[in-house]
Every structure is written in C-alpha cells, then in structure tokens.
Amino acid sequence: MKHLFAVAALAAVVVVGVSCGHDGPSGPVAGTLSVRLTSPNSGADEAILVTVAGPTALTSAAAGPGLRLFQQPLGGATTRFALVGRLNTGATILTIGVGDVSRANEYRTAIDGIAQPDYQLRSLDGYQLTVVR
C-alpha cells in the first residue's frame, strides 16, 4: 500500500511540474502591424509621405490595397515611406513587419505631407495615423 501511495504522489508531482512550465511564448514574437489613416478628406487625397520610427528596424513593408509604395531601404530605427493612390479614412495604408509585435505601442508615425490629385499639398490638420496589431 505504501508503494502505491508513493507512485501516486510521484505522478502528481510530475503532472504539476509539467503543467507549470509553459506560460506561452517567451521572448519576442515577430509579425506585422497595420498603419491606419484617419482623414478629414477621405477619398480626395492621392499621396502621403509617412515616417515610421520604432525600437528596432522594420523587417518588411507593404502598401495597403490600391496603393503604390516607395520607401527608403529598411534597416534603421526610422524609415520614410511615400504611398500613392486614393487614400480613404479607416483604411490600412501600410503594413510593417516588426521583430516583436508586443511592442506595437512603441512604434511612432508622423505624416510629413498629404497631396491632392492636382499635387497641391493640404494642411495636416485632422489627419492621423494609428499603429495597430
């Protein structure tokens, strides 16, 4: 009987030890973040110049649907992008690859310019970019 109790106790210790060892992924998890535009002139603008800065260099960049992307080489903590095409509010204009998606709140964006279809620059009032997971 003592032997059976010892085996049961050992099995319980092993089960508890195995189940306590995994809290999910440890360390950075690479992935993508979306950059979304808020615009007071949805659909009336054709180009935007954007700067993205973060804790580490971006690993990739892709234009949102219907947009064409021009960019600096990736590799620094700050990268500038030009996106051409119809800009709509709420749309993802840029998808960026990052080394750790849990640090999304550390990525900063700035709008450096907005152009209308006739190449006239607009005031940046009312425009905003948001980085989301």
Protein backbone atom coordinates (compact mmCIF):
# COMPACT_ATOMS: atom_id res chain seq x y z
CA MET A 1 0.00 0.00 0.00
CA LYS A 2 2.88 2.38 0.79
CA HIS A 3 4.36 1.66 -2.64
CA LEU A 4 1.07 2.57 -4.38
CA PHE A 5 0.84 5.82 -2.40
CA ALA A 6 4.45 6.73 -3.29
CA VAL A 7 3.82 6.12 -7.01
CA ALA A 8 0.64 8.22 -6.94
CA ALA A 9 2.43 11.07 -5.14
CA LEU A 10 5.31 10.96 -7.64
CA ALA A 11 2.87 11.02 -10.57
CA ALA A 12 1.10 14.05 -9.08
CA VAL A 13 4.40 15.92 -8.68
CA VAL A 14 5.36 15.18 -12.30
CA VAL A 15 1.98 16.35 -13.64
CA VAL A 16 2.12 19.59 -11.63
CA GLY A 17 5.72 20.22 -12.69
CA VAL A 18 4.99 19.72 -16.39
CA SER A 19 1.85 21.86 -16.36
CA CYS A 20 3.55 24.82 -14.65
CA GLY A 21 6.38 25.19 -17.11
CA HIS A 22 4.62 26.81 -20.09
CA ASP A 23 3.30 30.35 -19.95
CA GLY A 24 3.23 30.76 -23.73
CA PRO A 25 5.97 32.06 -25.96
CA SER A 26 8.89 33.66 -24.24
CA GLY A 27 10.86 36.34 -25.94
CA PRO A 28 9.98 38.42 -29.00
CA VAL A 29 7.32 37.26 -31.45
CA ALA A 30 7.82 38.63 -34.98
CA GLY A 31 4.82 39.66 -37.04
CA THR A 32 3.11 42.56 -38.78
CA LEU A 33 1.44 45.75 -37.65
CA SER A 34 -1.05 47.85 -39.61
CA VAL A 35 -0.81 51.61 -40.07
CA ARG A 36 -4.30 53.09 -40.46
CA LEU A 37 -5.24 56.54 -41.70
CA THR A 38 -7.83 58.92 -40.31
CA SER A 39 -8.58 61.66 -42.85
CA PRO A 40 -10.97 64.62 -42.96
CA ASN A 41 -10.90 64.32 -46.78
CA SER A 42 -11.48 60.59 -47.31
CA GLY A 43 -11.09 59.60 -50.95
CA ALA A 44 -9.98 63.09 -52.01
CA ASP A 45 -6.22 62.69 -51.49
CA GLU A 46 -3.77 60.81 -53.72
CA ALA A 47 -0.42 60.73 -51.90
CA ILE A 48 1.01 60.67 -48.40
CA LEU A 49 4.54 60.88 -47.04
CA VAL A 50 4.95 58.98 -43.76
CA THR A 51 7.77 58.42 -41.25
CA VAL A 52 7.74 55.33 -39.02
CA ALA A 53 10.09 55.11 -36.04
CA GLY A 54 10.38 52.29 -33.56
CA PRO A 55 12.54 50.41 -31.10
CA THR A 56 14.07 48.25 -33.84
CA ALA A 57 14.38 48.30 -37.62
CA LEU A 58 11.37 47.22 -39.65
CA THR A 59 11.69 43.81 -41.30
CA SER A 60 9.27 44.44 -44.18
CA ALA A 61 6.76 46.92 -45.58
CA ALA A 62 3.78 46.53 -47.91
CA ALA A 63 1.31 49.05 -49.30
CA GLY A 64 -2.36 48.85 -48.46
CA PRO A 65 -4.85 47.78 -51.15
CA GLY A 66 -4.86 50.07 -54.19
CA LEU A 67 -1.73 51.97 -53.11
CA ARG A 68 1.78 52.04 -54.53
CA LEU A 69 4.71 52.15 -52.09
CA PHE A 70 8.05 53.93 -52.36
CA GLN A 71 10.43 53.59 -49.43
CA GLN A 72 13.89 54.06 -48.05
CA PRO A 73 15.91 50.89 -47.55
CA LEU A 74 14.87 49.16 -44.33
CA GLY A 75 17.49 48.86 -41.63
CA GLY A 76 17.38 51.88 -39.37
CA ALA A 77 15.10 52.70 -36.46
CA THR A 78 13.38 55.34 -38.67
CA THR A 79 12.05 54.78 -42.19
CA ARG A 80 10.23 57.12 -44.60
CA PHE A 81 7.54 55.96 -47.00
CA ALA A 82 5.59 57.54 -49.84
CA LEU A 83 2.24 55.98 -50.71
CA VAL A 84 0.39 56.92 -53.89
CA GLY A 85 -3.25 56.16 -54.65
CA ARG A 86 -6.68 57.05 -53.29
CA LEU A 87 -6.44 57.50 -49.51
CA ASN A 88 -9.54 56.55 -47.54
CA THR A 89 -10.16 57.11 -43.85
CA GLY A 90 -10.01 53.97 -41.72
CA ALA A 91 -8.02 52.10 -44.34
CA THR A 92 -4.77 50.29 -43.67
CA ILE A 93 -2.33 52.23 -45.84
CA LEU A 94 0.81 50.36 -44.78
CA THR A 95 1.64 47.00 -43.21
CA ILE A 96 5.01 46.83 -41.46
CA GLY A 97 6.96 43.80 -40.35
CA VAL A 98 8.46 44.05 -36.86
CA GLY A 99 10.65 41.88 -34.69
CA ASP A 100 8.23 41.89 -31.74
CA VAL A 101 4.52 42.63 -32.14
CA SER A 102 4.09 43.04 -28.38
CA ARG A 103 5.99 46.34 -28.71
CA ALA A 104 3.40 47.85 -31.11
CA ASN A 105 2.80 50.80 -28.79
CA GLU A 106 6.47 51.81 -29.16
CA TYR A 107 6.18 52.47 -32.91
CA ARG A 108 5.56 56.11 -33.78
CA THR A 109 4.28 57.53 -37.04
CA ALA A 110 4.29 61.01 -38.50
CA ILE A 111 2.60 62.42 -41.57
CA ASP A 112 5.12 64.57 -43.43
CA GLY A 113 2.82 65.58 -46.28
CA ILE A 114 -0.54 64.95 -47.98
CA ALA A 115 -1.19 65.74 -51.65
CA GLN A 116 -4.40 66.16 -53.59
CA PRO A 117 -4.79 64.69 -57.11
CA ASP A 118 -3.61 68.04 -58.57
CA TYR A 119 -0.37 67.77 -56.48
CA GLN A 120 -1.40 70.59 -54.16
CA LEU A 121 -0.35 69.99 -50.57
CA ARG A 122 -3.00 70.01 -47.86
CA SER A 123 -2.81 71.20 -44.29
CA LEU A 124 -2.18 68.23 -41.99
CA ASP A 125 -4.94 69.29 -39.58
CA GLY A 126 -7.36 66.45 -38.94
CA TYR A 127 -5.10 63.72 -40.31
CA GLN A 128 -3.85 60.96 -38.05
CA LEU A 129 -2.07 57.61 -38.28
CA THR A 130 -2.60 54.74 -35.86
CA VAL A 131 -0.44 51.63 -35.47
CA VAL A 132 -2.50 48.53 -34.61
CA ARG A 133 -1.79 44.86 -34.18
